[in-house]
Amino acid sequence: MTSERSTGIAFAPPRRIHAHSFGVAFCYLLCIDHRVFRRVWG
């Protein structure tokens, strides 16, 4: 019961978590893209 409650609380705001993860992934991809561009274009 305790584990179920903790998981429920952890997944209470899925929208917020999704938006946060999306923003982090976007920034990470942008950073990687920049590095790749620099390597490709020298």
PDB file of N, CA and C in Angstrom:
ATOM      1  N   MET A   1       0.848  -1.210   0.000  1.00  0.00           N
ATOM      2  CA  MET A   1       0.000   0.000   0.000  1.00  0.00           C
ATOM      3  C   MET A   1       0.876   1.250   0.000  1.00  0.00           C
ATOM      4  N   THR A   2       1.928   1.217   0.757  1.00  0.00           N
ATOM      5  CA  THR A   2       2.800   2.395   0.816  1.00  0.00           C
ATOM      6  C   THR A   2       3.434   2.653  -0.543  1.00  0.00           C
ATOM      7  N   SER A   3       3.900   1.582  -1.201  1.00  0.00           N
ATOM      8  CA  SER A   3       4.534   1.761  -2.510  1.00  0.00           C
ATOM      9  C   SER A   3       3.520   2.319  -3.502  1.00  0.00           C
ATOM     10  N   GLU A   4       2.292   1.805  -3.463  1.00  0.00           N
ATOM     11  CA  GLU A   4       1.264   2.306  -4.389  1.00  0.00           C
ATOM     12  C   GLU A   4       1.024   3.795  -4.156  1.00  0.00           C
ATOM     13  N   ARG A   5       0.973   4.188  -2.900  1.00  0.00           N
ATOM     14  CA  ARG A   5       0.727   5.603  -2.588  1.00  0.00           C
ATOM     15  C   ARG A   5       1.879   6.457  -3.106  1.00  0.00           C
ATOM     16  N   SER A   6       3.105   6.035  -2.867  1.00  0.00           N
ATOM     17  CA  SER A   6       4.262   6.830  -3.312  1.00  0.00           C
ATOM     18  C   SER A   6       4.258   6.969  -4.829  1.00  0.00           C
ATOM     19  N   THR A   7       3.982   5.878  -5.547  1.00  0.00           N
ATOM     20  CA  THR A   7       3.969   5.946  -7.010  1.00  0.00           C
ATOM     21  C   THR A   7       2.863   6.882  -7.471  1.00  0.00           C
ATOM     22  N   GLY A   8       1.709   6.810  -6.808  1.00  0.00           N
ATOM     23  CA  GLY A   8       0.596   7.690  -7.187  1.00  0.00           C
ATOM     24  C   GLY A   8       0.998   9.150  -7.014  1.00  0.00           C
ATOM     25  N   ILE A   9       1.691   9.450  -5.931  1.00  0.00           N
ATOM     26  CA  ILE A   9       2.121  10.835  -5.694  1.00  0.00           C
ATOM     27  C   ILE A   9       3.174  11.239  -6.736  1.00  0.00           C
ATOM     28  N   ALA A  10       4.068  10.298  -7.047  1.00  0.00           N
ATOM     29  CA  ALA A  10       5.125  10.608  -8.006  1.00  0.00           C
ATOM     30  C   ALA A  10       4.541  10.896  -9.385  1.00  0.00           C
ATOM     31  N   PHE A  11       3.465  10.175  -9.732  1.00  0.00           N
ATOM     32  CA  PHE A  11       2.860  10.363 -11.049  1.00  0.00           C
ATOM     33  C   PHE A  11       1.604  11.224 -10.978  1.00  0.00           C
ATOM     34  N   ALA A  12       1.511  12.057  -9.940  1.00  0.00           N
ATOM     35  CA  ALA A  12       0.326  12.910  -9.795  1.00  0.00           C
ATOM     36  C   ALA A  12       0.268  13.944 -10.914  1.00  0.00           C
ATOM     37  N   PRO A  13       1.340  14.715 -11.168  1.00  0.00           N
ATOM     38  CA  PRO A  13       1.305  15.726 -12.235  1.00  0.00           C
ATOM     39  C   PRO A  13       2.038  15.252 -13.488  1.00  0.00           C
ATOM     40  N   PRO A  14       1.398  14.409 -14.315  1.00  0.00           N
ATOM     41  CA  PRO A  14       2.080  13.897 -15.510  1.00  0.00           C
ATOM     42  C   PRO A  14       2.375  15.003 -16.514  1.00  0.00           C
ATOM     43  N   ARG A  15       1.493  15.987 -16.587  1.00  0.00           N
ATOM     44  CA  ARG A  15       1.719  17.082 -17.549  1.00  0.00           C
ATOM     45  C   ARG A  15       2.996  17.834 -17.214  1.00  0.00           C
ATOM     46  N   ARG A  16       3.168  18.146 -15.942  1.00  0.00           N
ATOM     47  CA  ARG A  16       4.367  18.894 -15.544  1.00  0.00           C
ATOM     48  C   ARG A  16       5.623  18.080 -15.828  1.00  0.00           C
ATOM     49  N   ILE A  17       5.581  16.789 -15.485  1.00  0.00           N
ATOM     50  CA  ILE A  17       6.750  15.935 -15.704  1.00  0.00           C
ATOM     51  C   ILE A  17       7.041  15.843 -17.202  1.00  0.00           C
ATOM     52  N   HIS A  18       6.001  15.657 -18.002  1.00  0.00           N
ATOM     53  CA  HIS A  18       6.185  15.525 -19.450  1.00  0.00           C
ATOM     54  C   HIS A  18       6.803  16.810 -20.018  1.00  0.00           C
ATOM     55  N   ALA A  19       6.261  17.955 -19.622  1.00  0.00           N
ATOM     56  CA  ALA A  19       6.775  19.231 -20.131  1.00  0.00           C
ATOM     57  C   ALA A  19       8.241  19.398 -19.720  1.00  0.00           C
ATOM     58  N   HIS A  20       8.556  19.071 -18.469  1.00  0.00           N
ATOM     59  CA  HIS A  20       9.933  19.234 -17.989  1.00  0.00           C
ATOM     60  C   HIS A  20      10.879  18.329 -18.768  1.00  0.00           C
ATOM     61  N   SER A  21      10.523  17.054 -18.898  1.00  0.00           N
ATOM     62  CA  SER A  21      11.380  16.112 -19.619  1.00  0.00           C
ATOM     63  C   SER A  21      11.534  16.545 -21.079  1.00  0.00           C
ATOM     64  N   PHE A  22      10.446  17.025 -21.683  1.00  0.00           N
ATOM     65  CA  PHE A  22      10.513  17.469 -23.079  1.00  0.00           C
ATOM     66  C   PHE A  22      11.484  18.639 -23.215  1.00  0.00           C
ATOM     67  N   GLY A  23      11.401  19.602 -22.308  1.00  0.00           N
ATOM     68  CA  GLY A  23      12.303  20.756 -22.368  1.00  0.00           C
ATOM     69  C   GLY A  23      13.756  20.328 -22.209  1.00  0.00           C
ATOM     70  N   VAL A  24      14.006  19.438 -21.264  1.00  0.00           N
ATOM     71  CA  VAL A  24      15.382  18.972 -21.053  1.00  0.00           C
ATOM     72  C   VAL A  24      15.890  18.241 -22.290  1.00  0.00           C
ATOM     73  N   ALA A  25      15.046  17.371 -22.854  1.00  0.00           N
ATOM     74  CA  ALA A  25      15.450  16.617 -24.043  1.00  0.00           C
ATOM     75  C   ALA A  25      15.715  17.571 -25.206  1.00  0.00           C
ATOM     76  N   PHE A  26      14.856  18.585 -25.354  1.00  0.00           N
ATOM     77  CA  PHE A  26      15.029  19.549 -26.441  1.00  0.00           C
ATOM     78  C   PHE A  26      16.366  20.277 -26.300  1.00  0.00           C
ATOM     79  N   CYS A  27      16.663  20.758 -25.106  1.00  0.00           N
ATOM     80  CA  CYS A  27      17.927  21.475 -24.876  1.00  0.00           C
ATOM     81  C   CYS A  27      19.108  20.542 -25.142  1.00  0.00           C
ATOM     82  N   TYR A  28      18.978  19.284 -24.684  1.00  0.00           N
ATOM     83  CA  TYR A  28      20.062  18.317 -24.886  1.00  0.00           C
ATOM     84  C   TYR A  28      20.285  18.087 -26.373  1.00  0.00           C
ATOM     85  N   LEU A  29      19.189  17.899 -27.111  1.00  0.00           N
ATOM     86  CA  LEU A  29      19.305  17.668 -28.563  1.00  0.00           C
ATOM     87  C   LEU A  29      19.926  18.892 -29.230  1.00  0.00           C
ATOM     88  N   LEU A  30      19.530  20.084 -28.786  1.00  0.00           N
ATOM     89  CA  LEU A  30      20.083  21.307 -29.373  1.00  0.00           C
ATOM     90  C   LEU A  30      21.592  21.357 -29.141  1.00  0.00           C
ATOM     91  N   CYS A  31      21.999  21.030 -27.930  1.00  0.00           N
ATOM     92  CA  CYS A  31      23.428  21.053 -27.609  1.00  0.00           C
ATOM     93  C   CYS A  31      24.162  20.045 -28.487  1.00  0.00           C
ATOM     94  N   ILE A  32      23.633  18.850 -28.615  1.00  0.00           N
ATOM     95  CA  ILE A  32      24.268  17.818 -29.435  1.00  0.00           C
ATOM     96  C   ILE A  32      24.331  18.287 -30.885  1.00  0.00           C
ATOM     97  N   ASP A  33      23.207  18.872 -31.373  1.00  0.00           N
ATOM     98  CA  ASP A  33      23.189  19.370 -32.755  1.00  0.00           C
ATOM     99  C   ASP A  33      24.303  20.387 -32.961  1.00  0.00           C
ATOM    100  N   HIS A  34      24.470  21.294 -32.005  1.00  0.00           N
ATOM    101  CA  HIS A  34      25.505  22.323 -32.129  1.00  0.00           C
ATOM    102  C   HIS A  34      26.891  21.681 -32.240  1.00  0.00           C
ATOM    103  N   ARG A  35      27.141  20.704 -31.389  1.00  0.00           N
ATOM    104  CA  ARG A  35      28.446  20.034 -31.421  1.00  0.00           C
ATOM    105  C   ARG A  35      28.643  19.331 -32.757  1.00  0.00           C
ATOM    106  N   VAL A  36      27.612  18.642 -33.223  1.00  0.00           N
ATOM    107  CA  VAL A  36      27.720  17.925 -34.506  1.00  0.00           C
ATOM    108  C   VAL A  36      27.979  18.921 -35.633  1.00  0.00           C
ATOM    109  N   PHE A  37      27.229  20.015 -35.613  1.00  0.00           N
ATOM    110  CA  PHE A  37      27.432  21.032 -36.657  1.00  0.00           C
ATOM    111  C   PHE A  37      28.867  21.529 -36.644  1.00  0.00           C
ATOM    112  N   ARG A  38      29.386  21.802 -35.469  1.00  0.00           N
ATOM    113  CA  ARG A  38      30.770  22.307 -35.372  1.00  0.00           C
ATOM    114  C   ARG A  38      31.748  21.280 -35.917  1.00  0.00           C
ATOM    115  N   ARG A  39      31.482  19.994 -35.633  1.00  0.00           N
ATOM    116  CA  ARG A  39      32.393  18.946 -36.119  1.00  0.00           C
ATOM    117  C   ARG A  39      32.281  18.825 -37.633  1.00  0.00           C
ATOM    118  N   VAL A  40      31.066  18.870 -38.140  1.00  0.00           N
ATOM    119  CA  VAL A  40      30.863  18.686 -39.581  1.00  0.00           C
ATOM    120  C   VAL A  40      31.450  19.868 -40.358  1.00  0.00           C
ATOM    121  N   TRP A  41      31.127  21.081 -39.874  1.00  0.00           N
ATOM    122  CA  TRP A  41      31.588  22.265 -40.611  1.00  0.00           C
ATOM    123  C   TRP A  41      32.997  22.703 -40.195  1.00  0.00           C
ATOM    124  N   GLY A  42      33.589  22.000 -39.215  1.00  0.00           N
ATOM    125  CA  GLY A  42      34.955  22.300 -38.809  1.00  0.00           C
ATOM    126  C   GLY A  42      35.085  23.665 -38.206  1.00  0.00           C
TER     127      GLY A  42
END
